[in-house]
């Protein structure tokens, strides 16, 4: 029997990017993976990590998806005012995800329990950029019979 799988990762990434783009409009470019050359002095990159089976039964399964979000701020010498700017964006991103605990995807299914599990400031050892890493997680009920 042939199957027709849904690309759930793509659906989640597209929806997450949409939510972020709607909030930040043109002030924060949002990229998925390394799809193009990042531009500007700040941007957010969504990087899919994996999924874990949380619950399985004959009618379907619940998987938890993990996406790392990297906020890049191009300033090698982060002083107090630029750190305040970064922290405002961090708080805004965390609040936005909290306000979108459930997201309806393009295939009309829902991603639920969406949350940021962890936030790490100055996460990458990069001399030219200050990088904040968010660990985003959300669950999805799929493979329904």
C-alpha atoms as a PDB file:
ATOM      1  CA  UNK A   1       0.000   0.000   0.000  1.00  0.00           C
ATOM      2  CA  UNK A   2       1.366   3.419  -0.977  1.00  0.00           C
ATOM      3  CA  UNK A   3       1.661   6.131   1.650  1.00  0.00           C
ATOM      4  CA  UNK A   4       1.293   9.890   1.391  1.00  0.00           C
ATOM      5  CA  UNK A   5       3.524  11.360   4.066  1.00  0.00           C
ATOM      6  CA  UNK A   6       3.319  14.963   5.245  1.00  0.00           C
ATOM      7  CA  UNK A   7       6.527  16.923   5.623  1.00  0.00           C
ATOM      8  CA  UNK A   8       5.810  17.880   9.242  1.00  0.00           C
ATOM      9  CA  UNK A   9       9.243  19.429   9.814  1.00  0.00           C
ATOM     10  CA  UNK A  10       8.732  21.777   6.849  1.00  0.00           C
ATOM     11  CA  UNK A  11       5.208  22.637   8.015  1.00  0.00           C
ATOM     12  CA  UNK A  12       6.432  23.470  11.529  1.00  0.00           C
ATOM     13  CA  UNK A  13       9.408  25.481  10.271  1.00  0.00           C
ATOM     14  CA  UNK A  14       7.239  27.448   7.836  1.00  0.00           C
ATOM     15  CA  UNK A  15       4.651  28.233  10.521  1.00  0.00           C
ATOM     16  CA  UNK A  16       7.289  29.204  13.084  1.00  0.00           C
ATOM     17  CA  UNK A  17       8.962  31.488  10.550  1.00  0.00           C
ATOM     18  CA  UNK A  18       5.567  33.004   9.722  1.00  0.00           C
ATOM     19  CA  UNK A  19       4.809  33.729  13.390  1.00  0.00           C
ATOM     20  CA  UNK A  20       8.215  35.362  13.856  1.00  0.00           C
ATOM     21  CA  UNK A  21       8.017  37.369  10.611  1.00  0.00           C
ATOM     22  CA  UNK A  22       4.567  38.673  11.527  1.00  0.00           C
ATOM     23  CA  UNK A  23       5.867  39.892  14.887  1.00  0.00           C
ATOM     24  CA  UNK A  24       9.119  41.448  13.710  1.00  0.00           C
ATOM     25  CA  UNK A  25       8.008  42.534  10.224  1.00  0.00           C
ATOM     26  CA  UNK A  26      11.174  43.682   8.421  1.00  0.00           C
ATOM     27  CA  UNK A  27      13.288  44.422  11.495  1.00  0.00           C
ATOM     28  CA  UNK A  28      14.511  40.836  11.948  1.00  0.00           C
ATOM     29  CA  UNK A  29      15.098  38.611   8.886  1.00  0.00           C
ATOM     30  CA  UNK A  30      14.215  34.961   9.567  1.00  0.00           C
ATOM     31  CA  UNK A  31      16.079  32.148   7.758  1.00  0.00           C
ATOM     32  CA  UNK A  32      15.618  28.382   7.766  1.00  0.00           C
ATOM     33  CA  UNK A  33      18.852  26.413   7.851  1.00  0.00           C
ATOM     34  CA  UNK A  34      21.456  27.869   5.547  1.00  0.00           C
ATOM     35  CA  UNK A  35      19.028  28.612   2.710  1.00  0.00           C
ATOM     36  CA  UNK A  36      20.702  31.856   1.706  1.00  0.00           C
ATOM     37  CA  UNK A  37      23.374  34.306   2.710  1.00  0.00           C
ATOM     38  CA  UNK A  38      22.291  36.038   5.874  1.00  0.00           C
ATOM     39  CA  UNK A  39      22.298  39.804   5.683  1.00  0.00           C
ATOM     40  CA  UNK A  40      22.018  42.710   8.082  1.00  0.00           C
ATOM     41  CA  UNK A  41      23.358  43.365  11.527  1.00  0.00           C
ATOM     42  CA  UNK A  42      20.861  41.001  13.142  1.00  0.00           C
ATOM     43  CA  UNK A  43      18.860  37.975  12.008  1.00  0.00           C
ATOM     44  CA  UNK A  44      17.301  34.765  13.298  1.00  0.00           C
ATOM     45  CA  UNK A  45      18.119  31.334  11.877  1.00  0.00           C
ATOM     46  CA  UNK A  46      15.922  28.259  12.454  1.00  0.00           C
ATOM     47  CA  UNK A  47      17.849  25.007  12.453  1.00  0.00           C
ATOM     48  CA  UNK A  48      15.907  21.701  12.684  1.00  0.00           C
ATOM     49  CA  UNK A  49      17.532  19.252  15.096  1.00  0.00           C
ATOM     50  CA  UNK A  50      15.298  16.178  15.271  1.00  0.00           C
ATOM     51  CA  UNK A  51      12.173  14.574  16.620  1.00  0.00           C
ATOM     52  CA  UNK A  52      11.429  12.065  19.346  1.00  0.00           C
ATOM     53  CA  UNK A  53       8.537   9.646  19.556  1.00  0.00           C
ATOM     54  CA  UNK A  54       6.555  10.541  22.699  1.00  0.00           C
ATOM     55  CA  UNK A  55       3.479   8.343  22.334  1.00  0.00           C
ATOM     56  CA  UNK A  56       2.597   5.569  19.911  1.00  0.00           C
ATOM     57  CA  UNK A  57      -0.618   3.663  19.267  1.00  0.00           C
ATOM     58  CA  UNK A  58      -2.396   2.002  16.347  1.00  0.00           C
ATOM     59  CA  UNK A  59      -4.276   5.212  15.466  1.00  0.00           C
ATOM     60  CA  UNK A  60      -1.319   7.597  15.360  1.00  0.00           C
ATOM     61  CA  UNK A  61       1.700   8.946  17.146  1.00  0.00           C
ATOM     62  CA  UNK A  62       2.809  12.035  19.025  1.00  0.00           C
ATOM     63  CA  UNK A  63       6.282  13.256  18.143  1.00  0.00           C
ATOM     64  CA  UNK A  64       8.189  16.049  19.834  1.00  0.00           C
ATOM     65  CA  UNK A  65      10.106  18.212  17.385  1.00  0.00           C
ATOM     66  CA  UNK A  66      13.217  20.210  18.304  1.00  0.00           C
ATOM     67  CA  UNK A  67      14.403  23.299  16.465  1.00  0.00           C
ATOM     68  CA  UNK A  68      17.361  25.410  17.500  1.00  0.00           C
ATOM     69  CA  UNK A  69      16.852  29.101  16.901  1.00  0.00           C
ATOM     70  CA  UNK A  70      19.953  31.278  16.654  1.00  0.00           C
ATOM     71  CA  UNK A  71      19.660  35.046  17.048  1.00  0.00           C
ATOM     72  CA  UNK A  72      22.719  36.745  15.547  1.00  0.00           C
ATOM     73  CA  UNK A  73      23.699  40.282  16.475  1.00  0.00           C
ATOM     74  CA  UNK A  74      26.687  41.600  14.532  1.00  0.00           C
ATOM     75  CA  UNK A  75      28.707  43.515  17.088  1.00  0.00           C
ATOM     76  CA  UNK A  76      32.018  42.140  18.302  1.00  0.00           C
ATOM     77  CA  UNK A  77      32.144  44.598  21.237  1.00  0.00           C
ATOM     78  CA  UNK A  78      28.820  44.229  23.014  1.00  0.00           C
ATOM     79  CA  UNK A  79      28.483  47.164  25.391  1.00  0.00           C
ATOM     80  CA  UNK A  80      25.612  47.891  27.780  1.00  0.00           C
ATOM     81  CA  UNK A  81      23.296  49.535  25.237  1.00  0.00           C
ATOM     82  CA  UNK A  82      23.789  46.793  22.627  1.00  0.00           C
ATOM     83  CA  UNK A  83      23.351  44.105  25.302  1.00  0.00           C
ATOM     84  CA  UNK A  84      20.100  45.816  26.357  1.00  0.00           C
ATOM     85  CA  UNK A  85      18.989  45.628  22.703  1.00  0.00           C
ATOM     86  CA  UNK A  86      19.840  41.909  22.507  1.00  0.00           C
ATOM     87  CA  UNK A  87      18.060  41.155  25.785  1.00  0.00           C
ATOM     88  CA  UNK A  88      14.925  43.014  24.613  1.00  0.00           C
ATOM     89  CA  UNK A  89      14.839  40.817  21.490  1.00  0.00           C
ATOM     90  CA  UNK A  90      15.431  37.682  23.596  1.00  0.00           C
ATOM     91  CA  UNK A  91      12.524  38.562  25.898  1.00  0.00           C
ATOM     92  CA  UNK A  92      10.305  39.400  22.942  1.00  0.00           C
ATOM     93  CA  UNK A  93      11.056  36.079  21.212  1.00  0.00           C
ATOM     94  CA  UNK A  94      10.433  34.109  24.417  1.00  0.00           C
ATOM     95  CA  UNK A  95       7.112  35.937  25.009  1.00  0.00           C
ATOM     96  CA  UNK A  96       6.041  35.412  21.386  1.00  0.00           C
ATOM     97  CA  UNK A  97       6.620  31.658  21.595  1.00  0.00           C
ATOM     98  CA  UNK A  98       4.766  31.555  24.913  1.00  0.00           C
ATOM     99  CA  UNK A  99       1.801  33.294  23.255  1.00  0.00           C
ATOM    100  CA  UNK A 100       1.837  30.720  20.436  1.00  0.00           C
ATOM    101  CA  UNK A 101       1.692  27.537  22.494  1.00  0.00           C
ATOM    102  CA  UNK A 102      -0.467  25.982  19.742  1.00  0.00           C
ATOM    103  CA  UNK A 103       0.045  26.583  16.021  1.00  0.00           C
ATOM    104  CA  UNK A 104      -2.173  25.388  13.170  1.00  0.00           C
ATOM    105  CA  UNK A 105      -0.046  24.063  10.322  1.00  0.00           C
ATOM    106  CA  UNK A 106      -0.740  24.209   6.575  1.00  0.00           C
ATOM    107  CA  UNK A 107      -2.057  20.626   6.595  1.00  0.00           C
ATOM    108  CA  UNK A 108      -4.676  21.696   9.225  1.00  0.00           C
ATOM    109  CA  UNK A 109      -2.995  19.716  11.994  1.00  0.00           C
ATOM    110  CA  UNK A 110      -1.753  21.369  15.179  1.00  0.00           C
ATOM    111  CA  UNK A 111       1.625  21.688  16.773  1.00  0.00           C
ATOM    112  CA  UNK A 112       1.006  21.992  20.518  1.00  0.00           C
ATOM    113  CA  UNK A 113       2.949  22.458  23.756  1.00  0.00           C
ATOM    114  CA  UNK A 114       5.237  24.808  21.796  1.00  0.00           C
ATOM    115  CA  UNK A 115       7.859  26.273  24.087  1.00  0.00           C
ATOM    116  CA  UNK A 116      11.408  27.433  24.492  1.00  0.00           C
ATOM    117  CA  UNK A 117      13.120  24.938  26.767  1.00  0.00           C
ATOM    118  CA  UNK A 118      16.388  26.830  27.126  1.00  0.00           C
ATOM    119  CA  UNK A 119      18.057  30.080  26.125  1.00  0.00           C
ATOM    120  CA  UNK A 120      21.826  30.438  26.041  1.00  0.00           C
ATOM    121  CA  UNK A 121      23.398  33.877  25.767  1.00  0.00           C
ATOM    122  CA  UNK A 122      26.651  34.306  23.838  1.00  0.00           C
ATOM    123  CA  UNK A 123      26.260  30.689  22.752  1.00  0.00           C
ATOM    124  CA  UNK A 124      28.833  30.514  19.967  1.00  0.00           C
ATOM    125  CA  UNK A 125      32.429  31.546  20.324  1.00  0.00           C
ATOM    126  CA  UNK A 126      32.374  34.044  17.462  1.00  0.00           C
ATOM    127  CA  UNK A 127      34.536  37.157  17.553  1.00  0.00           C
ATOM    128  CA  UNK A 128      32.331  39.126  15.152  1.00  0.00           C
ATOM    129  CA  UNK A 129      28.837  38.287  16.411  1.00  0.00           C
ATOM    130  CA  UNK A 130      26.922  37.901  19.648  1.00  0.00           C
ATOM    131  CA  UNK A 131      24.781  34.771  19.275  1.00  0.00           C
ATOM    132  CA  UNK A 132      21.823  33.680  21.397  1.00  0.00           C
ATOM    133  CA  UNK A 133      20.632  30.086  21.066  1.00  0.00           C
ATOM    134  CA  UNK A 134      17.054  29.091  21.859  1.00  0.00           C
ATOM    135  CA  UNK A 135      15.960  25.465  22.117  1.00  0.00           C
ATOM    136  CA  UNK A 136      12.393  25.347  20.734  1.00  0.00           C
ATOM    137  CA  UNK A 137      10.232  22.244  21.189  1.00  0.00           C
ATOM    138  CA  UNK A 138       6.702  21.364  20.133  1.00  0.00           C
ATOM    139  CA  UNK A 139       4.562  18.257  19.845  1.00  0.00           C
ATOM    140  CA  UNK A 140       2.564  17.040  16.854  1.00  0.00           C
ATOM    141  CA  UNK A 141      -0.051  14.307  16.503  1.00  0.00           C
ATOM    142  CA  UNK A 142       0.459  12.626  13.161  1.00  0.00           C
ATOM    143  CA  UNK A 143       0.223   9.430  11.130  1.00  0.00           C
ATOM    144  CA  UNK A 144      -3.456   9.197  11.955  1.00  0.00           C
ATOM    145  CA  UNK A 145      -5.480   6.301  10.588  1.00  0.00           C
END
